[in-house]
Amino acid sequence: METKLLSIKNAAKEFNFPQAKLYRLVSEKKVPYIELENLSGTKSIKINSKSFADWLDGLAKQNKSI
């Protein structure tokens, strides 16, 4: 899997994950993400596709639900 930085919306599509739930998990800081700040000072949240896949894989191995 190629590692990409994805918006929450695109990560939800890529991983077939409920978008609203992903937004909630990010706001609760339960999922790995990074915050990028552009030159104008606007911050955007990005999901690292490999880190997110590893996080999901770890939950699956432990038979946990989200």
PDB file of N, CA and C in Angstrom:
ATOM      1  N   MET A   1       0.847  -1.190   0.000  1.00  0.00           N
ATOM      2  CA  MET A   1       0.000   0.000   0.000  1.00  0.00           C
ATOM      3  C   MET A   1       0.886   1.246   0.000  1.00  0.00           C
ATOM      4  N   GLU A   2       0.616   2.118  -0.932  1.00  0.00           N
ATOM      5  CA  GLU A   2       1.324   3.392  -1.007  1.00  0.00           C
ATOM      6  C   GLU A   2       0.824   4.300   0.115  1.00  0.00           C
ATOM      7  N   THR A   3       1.746   4.933   0.828  1.00  0.00           N
ATOM      8  CA  THR A   3       1.373   5.838   1.911  1.00  0.00           C
ATOM      9  C   THR A   3       0.983   7.192   1.336  1.00  0.00           C
ATOM     10  N   LYS A   4      -0.199   7.671   1.746  1.00  0.00           N
ATOM     11  CA  LYS A   4      -0.698   8.965   1.283  1.00  0.00           C
ATOM     12  C   LYS A   4      -1.240   9.739   2.472  1.00  0.00           C
ATOM     13  N   LEU A   5      -1.231  11.053   2.369  1.00  0.00           N
ATOM     14  CA  LEU A   5      -1.919  11.900   3.335  1.00  0.00           C
ATOM     15  C   LEU A   5      -3.285  12.216   2.750  1.00  0.00           C
ATOM     16  N   LEU A   6      -4.327  11.835   3.459  1.00  0.00           N
ATOM     17  CA  LEU A   6      -5.687  11.982   2.967  1.00  0.00           C
ATOM     18  C   LEU A   6      -6.499  12.881   3.881  1.00  0.00           C
ATOM     19  N   SER A   7      -7.414  13.628   3.291  1.00  0.00           N
ATOM     20  CA  SER A   7      -8.378  14.364   4.101  1.00  0.00           C
ATOM     21  C   SER A   7      -9.273  13.334   4.787  1.00  0.00           C
ATOM     22  N   ILE A   8      -9.996  13.754   5.792  1.00  0.00           N
ATOM     23  CA  ILE A   8     -10.896  12.837   6.489  1.00  0.00           C
ATOM     24  C   ILE A   8     -11.924  12.275   5.511  1.00  0.00           C
ATOM     25  N   LYS A   9     -12.453  13.141   4.666  1.00  0.00           N
ATOM     26  CA  LYS A   9     -13.456  12.710   3.689  1.00  0.00           C
ATOM     27  C   LYS A   9     -12.892  11.646   2.749  1.00  0.00           C
ATOM     28  N   ASN A  10     -11.690  11.877   2.235  1.00  0.00           N
ATOM     29  CA  ASN A  10     -11.065  10.919   1.315  1.00  0.00           C
ATOM     30  C   ASN A  10     -10.643   9.634   2.025  1.00  0.00           C
ATOM     31  N   ALA A  11     -10.193   9.751   3.260  1.00  0.00           N
ATOM     32  CA  ALA A  11      -9.822   8.557   4.035  1.00  0.00           C
ATOM     33  C   ALA A  11     -11.058   7.689   4.276  1.00  0.00           C
ATOM     34  N   ALA A  12     -12.179   8.330   4.567  1.00  0.00           N
ATOM     35  CA  ALA A  12     -13.422   7.582   4.777  1.00  0.00           C
ATOM     36  C   ALA A  12     -13.797   6.815   3.514  1.00  0.00           C
ATOM     37  N   LYS A  13     -13.649   7.460   2.358  1.00  0.00           N
ATOM     38  CA  LYS A  13     -13.947   6.791   1.082  1.00  0.00           C
ATOM     39  C   LYS A  13     -12.962   5.652   0.821  1.00  0.00           C
ATOM     40  N   GLU A  14     -11.686   5.925   1.010  1.00  0.00           N
ATOM     41  CA  GLU A  14     -10.627   4.952   0.728  1.00  0.00           C
ATOM     42  C   GLU A  14     -10.770   3.682   1.570  1.00  0.00           C
ATOM     43  N   PHE A  15     -11.152   3.858   2.835  1.00  0.00           N
ATOM     44  CA  PHE A  15     -11.239   2.725   3.748  1.00  0.00           C
ATOM     45  C   PHE A  15     -12.673   2.247   3.968  1.00  0.00           C
ATOM     46  N   ASN A  16     -13.612   2.804   3.212  1.00  0.00           N
ATOM     47  CA  ASN A  16     -15.021   2.433   3.349  1.00  0.00           C
ATOM     48  C   ASN A  16     -15.452   2.544   4.814  1.00  0.00           C
ATOM     49  N   PHE A  17     -15.171   3.694   5.404  1.00  0.00           N
ATOM     50  CA  PHE A  17     -15.397   3.964   6.822  1.00  0.00           C
ATOM     51  C   PHE A  17     -16.407   5.104   6.929  1.00  0.00           C
ATOM     52  N   PRO A  18     -17.319   5.063   7.876  1.00  0.00           N
ATOM     53  CA  PRO A  18     -18.301   6.143   7.995  1.00  0.00           C
ATOM     54  C   PRO A  18     -17.625   7.498   8.259  1.00  0.00           C
ATOM     55  N   GLN A  19     -17.909   8.448   7.400  1.00  0.00           N
ATOM     56  CA  GLN A  19     -17.254   9.757   7.476  1.00  0.00           C
ATOM     57  C   GLN A  19     -17.532  10.461   8.801  1.00  0.00           C
ATOM     58  N   ALA A  20     -18.780  10.472   9.249  1.00  0.00           N
ATOM     59  CA  ALA A  20     -19.122  11.154  10.501  1.00  0.00           C
ATOM     60  C   ALA A  20     -18.397  10.517  11.684  1.00  0.00           C
ATOM     61  N   LYS A  21     -18.273   9.202  11.654  1.00  0.00           N
ATOM     62  CA  LYS A  21     -17.584   8.503  12.740  1.00  0.00           C
ATOM     63  C   LYS A  21     -16.098   8.849  12.733  1.00  0.00           C
ATOM     64  N   LEU A  22     -15.507   8.961  11.553  1.00  0.00           N
ATOM     65  CA  LEU A  22     -14.091   9.315  11.458  1.00  0.00           C
ATOM     66  C   LEU A  22     -13.855  10.737  11.966  1.00  0.00           C
ATOM     67  N   TYR A  23     -14.739  11.663  11.616  1.00  0.00           N
ATOM     68  CA  TYR A  23     -14.634  13.026  12.154  1.00  0.00           C
ATOM     69  C   TYR A  23     -14.699  13.003  13.685  1.00  0.00           C
ATOM     70  N   ARG A  24     -15.604  12.184  14.238  1.00  0.00           N
ATOM     71  CA  ARG A  24     -15.758  12.099  15.692  1.00  0.00           C
ATOM     72  C   ARG A  24     -14.508  11.506  16.336  1.00  0.00           C
ATOM     73  N   LEU A  25     -13.955  10.434  15.735  1.00  0.00           N
ATOM     74  CA  LEU A  25     -12.753   9.807  16.275  1.00  0.00           C
ATOM     75  C   LEU A  25     -11.559  10.769  16.251  1.00  0.00           C
ATOM     76  N   VAL A  26     -11.460  11.578  15.216  1.00  0.00           N
ATOM     77  CA  VAL A  26     -10.383  12.567  15.136  1.00  0.00           C
ATOM     78  C   VAL A  26     -10.575  13.633  16.216  1.00  0.00           C
ATOM     79  N   SER A  27     -11.795  14.121  16.376  1.00  0.00           N
ATOM     80  CA  SER A  27     -12.041  15.163  17.388  1.00  0.00           C
ATOM     81  C   SER A  27     -11.795  14.636  18.799  1.00  0.00           C
ATOM     82  N   GLU A  28     -12.003  13.335  19.014  1.00  0.00           N
ATOM     83  CA  GLU A  28     -11.741  12.711  20.318  1.00  0.00           C
ATOM     84  C   GLU A  28     -10.298  12.224  20.442  1.00  0.00           C
ATOM     85  N   LYS A  29      -9.498  12.435  19.399  1.00  0.00           N
ATOM     86  CA  LYS A  29      -8.081  12.040  19.340  1.00  0.00           C
ATOM     87  C   LYS A  29      -7.890  10.550  19.585  1.00  0.00           C
ATOM     88  N   LYS A  30      -8.769   9.748  18.984  1.00  0.00           N
ATOM     89  CA  LYS A  30      -8.693   8.294  19.129  1.00  0.00           C
ATOM     90  C   LYS A  30      -8.081   7.613  17.914  1.00  0.00           C
ATOM     91  N   VAL A  31      -7.856   8.376  16.879  1.00  0.00           N
ATOM     92  CA  VAL A  31      -7.319   7.826  15.633  1.00  0.00           C
ATOM     93  C   VAL A  31      -6.061   8.625  15.271  1.00  0.00           C
ATOM     94  N   PRO A  32      -5.049   7.967  14.666  1.00  0.00           N
ATOM     95  CA  PRO A  32      -3.832   8.706  14.300  1.00  0.00           C
ATOM     96  C   PRO A  32      -4.096   9.696  13.155  1.00  0.00           C
ATOM     97  N   TYR A  33      -3.689  10.937  13.357  1.00  0.00           N
ATOM     98  CA  TYR A  33      -3.826  11.977  12.326  1.00  0.00           C
ATOM     99  C   TYR A  33      -2.739  13.013  12.534  1.00  0.00           C
ATOM    100  N   ILE A  34      -2.552  13.868  11.550  1.00  0.00           N
ATOM    101  CA  ILE A  34      -1.628  14.983  11.696  1.00  0.00           C
ATOM    102  C   ILE A  34      -2.363  16.265  11.313  1.00  0.00           C
ATOM    103  N   GLU A  35      -1.879  17.356  11.853  1.00  0.00           N
ATOM    104  CA  GLU A  35      -2.447  18.663  11.553  1.00  0.00           C
ATOM    105  C   GLU A  35      -1.405  19.458  10.781  1.00  0.00           C
ATOM    106  N   LEU A  36      -1.773  19.913   9.601  1.00  0.00           N
ATOM    107  CA  LEU A  36      -0.870  20.697   8.766  1.00  0.00           C
ATOM    108  C   LEU A  36      -1.332  22.142   8.732  1.00  0.00           C
ATOM    109  N   GLU A  37      -0.385  23.052   8.836  1.00  0.00           N
ATOM    110  CA  GLU A  37      -0.703  24.476   8.772  1.00  0.00           C
ATOM    111  C   GLU A  37      -0.096  25.050   7.500  1.00  0.00           C
ATOM    112  N   ASN A  38      -0.926  25.736   6.703  1.00  0.00           N
ATOM    113  CA  ASN A  38      -0.395  26.330   5.478  1.00  0.00           C
ATOM    114  C   ASN A  38       0.128  27.736   5.770  1.00  0.00           C
ATOM    115  N   LEU A  39       0.598  28.416   4.758  1.00  0.00           N
ATOM    116  CA  LEU A  39       1.213  29.732   4.949  1.00  0.00           C
ATOM    117  C   LEU A  39       0.252  30.778   5.499  1.00  0.00           C
ATOM    118  N   SER A  40      -1.025  30.655   5.223  1.00  0.00           N
ATOM    119  CA  SER A  40      -1.988  31.642   5.719  1.00  0.00           C
ATOM    120  C   SER A  40      -2.416  31.348   7.158  1.00  0.00           C
ATOM    121  N   GLY A  41      -1.941  30.232   7.720  1.00  0.00           N
ATOM    122  CA  GLY A  41      -2.270  29.893   9.093  1.00  0.00           C
ATOM    123  C   GLY A  41      -3.452  28.953   9.242  1.00  0.00           C
ATOM    124  N   THR A  42      -4.078  28.602   8.129  1.00  0.00           N
ATOM    125  CA  THR A  42      -5.204  27.667   8.174  1.00  0.00           C
ATOM    126  C   THR A  42      -4.676  26.258   8.443  1.00  0.00           C
ATOM    127  N   LYS A  43      -5.333  25.552   9.346  1.00  0.00           N
ATOM    128  CA  LYS A  43      -4.912  24.192   9.674  1.00  0.00           C
ATOM    129  C   LYS A  43      -5.857  23.185   9.026  1.00  0.00           C
ATOM    130  N   SER A  44      -5.273  22.103   8.553  1.00  0.00           N
ATOM    131  CA  SER A  44      -6.080  21.026   7.998  1.00  0.00           C
ATOM    132  C   SER A  44      -5.621  19.711   8.619  1.00  0.00           C
ATOM    133  N   ILE A  45      -6.561  18.828   8.800  1.00  0.00           N
ATOM    134  CA  ILE A  45      -6.276  17.526   9.394  1.00  0.00           C
ATOM    135  C   ILE A  45      -6.122  16.511   8.273  1.00  0.00           C
ATOM    136  N   LYS A  46      -5.062  15.724   8.357  1.00  0.00           N
ATOM    137  CA  LYS A  46      -4.787  14.700   7.354  1.00  0.00           C
ATOM    138  C   LYS A  46      -4.587  13.359   8.044  1.00  0.00           C
ATOM    139  N   ILE A  47      -5.025  12.320   7.371  1.00  0.00           N
ATOM    140  CA  ILE A  47      -4.879  10.958   7.846  1.00  0.00           C
ATOM    141  C   ILE A  47      -3.782  10.296   7.020  1.00  0.00           C
ATOM    142  N   ASN A  48      -2.774   9.741   7.680  1.00  0.00           N
ATOM    143  CA  ASN A  48      -1.729   8.981   7.000  1.00  0.00           C
ATOM    144  C   ASN A  48      -2.318   7.603   6.709  1.00  0.00           C
ATOM    145  N   SER A  49      -2.412   7.242   5.453  1.00  0.00           N
ATOM    146  CA  SER A  49      -3.107   6.011   5.070  1.00  0.00           C
ATOM    147  C   SER A  49      -2.468   4.766   5.686  1.00  0.00           C
ATOM    148  N   LYS A  50      -1.152   4.703   5.769  1.00  0.00           N
ATOM    149  CA  LYS A  50      -0.489   3.530   6.349  1.00  0.00           C
ATOM    150  C   LYS A  50      -0.742   3.464   7.849  1.00  0.00           C
ATOM    151  N   SER A  51      -0.625   4.574   8.552  1.00  0.00           N
ATOM    152  CA  SER A  51      -0.867   4.587   9.998  1.00  0.00           C
ATOM    153  C   SER A  51      -2.306   4.204  10.316  1.00  0.00           C
ATOM    154  N   PHE A  52      -3.241   4.710   9.521  1.00  0.00           N
ATOM    155  CA  PHE A  52      -4.649   4.399   9.739  1.00  0.00           C
ATOM    156  C   PHE A  52      -4.914   2.916   9.474  1.00  0.00           C
ATOM    157  N   ALA A  53      -4.325   2.378   8.414  1.00  0.00           N
ATOM    158  CA  ALA A  53      -4.494   0.956   8.105  1.00  0.00           C
ATOM    159  C   ALA A  53      -3.912   0.095   9.225  1.00  0.00           C
ATOM    160  N   ASP A  54      -2.745   0.487   9.742  1.00  0.00           N
ATOM    161  CA  ASP A  54      -2.135  -0.246  10.854  1.00  0.00           C
ATOM    162  C   ASP A  54      -3.002  -0.169  12.103  1.00  0.00           C
ATOM    163  N   TRP A  55      -3.578   0.997  12.360  1.00  0.00           N
ATOM    164  CA  TRP A  55      -4.459   1.187  13.521  1.00  0.00           C
ATOM    165  C   TRP A  55      -5.686   0.281  13.397  1.00  0.00           C
ATOM    166  N   LEU A  56      -6.306   0.255  12.218  1.00  0.00           N
ATOM    167  CA  LEU A  56      -7.456  -0.618  11.986  1.00  0.00           C
ATOM    168  C   LEU A  56      -7.068  -2.084  12.121  1.00  0.00           C
ATOM    169  N   ASP A  57      -5.903  -2.443  11.593  1.00  0.00           N
ATOM    170  CA  ASP A  57      -5.429  -3.818  11.666  1.00  0.00           C
ATOM    171  C   ASP A  57      -5.228  -4.243  13.122  1.00  0.00           C
ATOM    172  N   GLY A  58      -4.664  -3.357  13.938  1.00  0.00           N
ATOM    173  CA  GLY A  58      -4.469  -3.649  15.350  1.00  0.00           C
ATOM    174  C   GLY A  58      -5.792  -3.882  16.071  1.00  0.00           C
ATOM    175  N   LEU A  59      -6.782  -3.067  15.757  1.00  0.00           N
ATOM    176  CA  LEU A  59      -8.102  -3.247  16.367  1.00  0.00           C
ATOM    177  C   LEU A  59      -8.725  -4.570  15.944  1.00  0.00           C
ATOM    178  N   ALA A  60      -8.550  -4.919  14.682  1.00  0.00           N
ATOM    179  CA  ALA A  60      -9.111  -6.172  14.177  1.00  0.00           C
ATOM    180  C   ALA A  60      -8.450  -7.379  14.849  1.00  0.00           C
ATOM    181  N   LYS A  61      -7.138  -7.313  15.050  1.00  0.00           N
ATOM    182  CA  LYS A  61      -6.426  -8.414  15.694  1.00  0.00           C
ATOM    183  C   LYS A  61      -6.876  -8.611  17.144  1.00  0.00           C
ATOM    184  N   GLN A  62      -7.290  -7.510  17.779  1.00  0.00           N
ATOM    185  CA  GLN A  62      -7.757  -7.573  19.165  1.00  0.00           C
ATOM    186  C   GLN A  62      -9.265  -7.796  19.246  1.00  0.00           C
ATOM    187  N   ASN A  63      -9.907  -7.956  18.099  1.00  0.00           N
ATOM    188  CA  ASN A  63     -11.372  -8.136  18.027  1.00  0.00           C
ATOM    189  C   ASN A  63     -12.128  -7.011  18.727  1.00  0.00           C
ATOM    190  N   LYS A  64     -11.642  -5.787  18.561  1.00  0.00           N
ATOM    191  CA  LYS A  64     -12.307  -4.624  19.173  1.00  0.00           C
ATOM    192  C   LYS A  64     -13.269  -3.999  18.189  1.00  0.00           C
ATOM    193  N   SER A  65     -14.266  -3.344  18.734  1.00  0.00           N
ATOM    194  CA  SER A  65     -15.188  -2.604  17.886  1.00  0.00           C
ATOM    195  C   SER A  65     -14.928  -1.110  18.075  1.00  0.00           C
ATOM    196  N   ILE A  66     -15.330  -0.350  17.099  1.00  0.00           N
ATOM    197  CA  ILE A  66     -15.101   1.096  17.128  1.00  0.00           C
ATOM    198  C   ILE A  66     -16.396   1.782  17.478  1.00  0.00           C
TER     199      ILE A  66
END
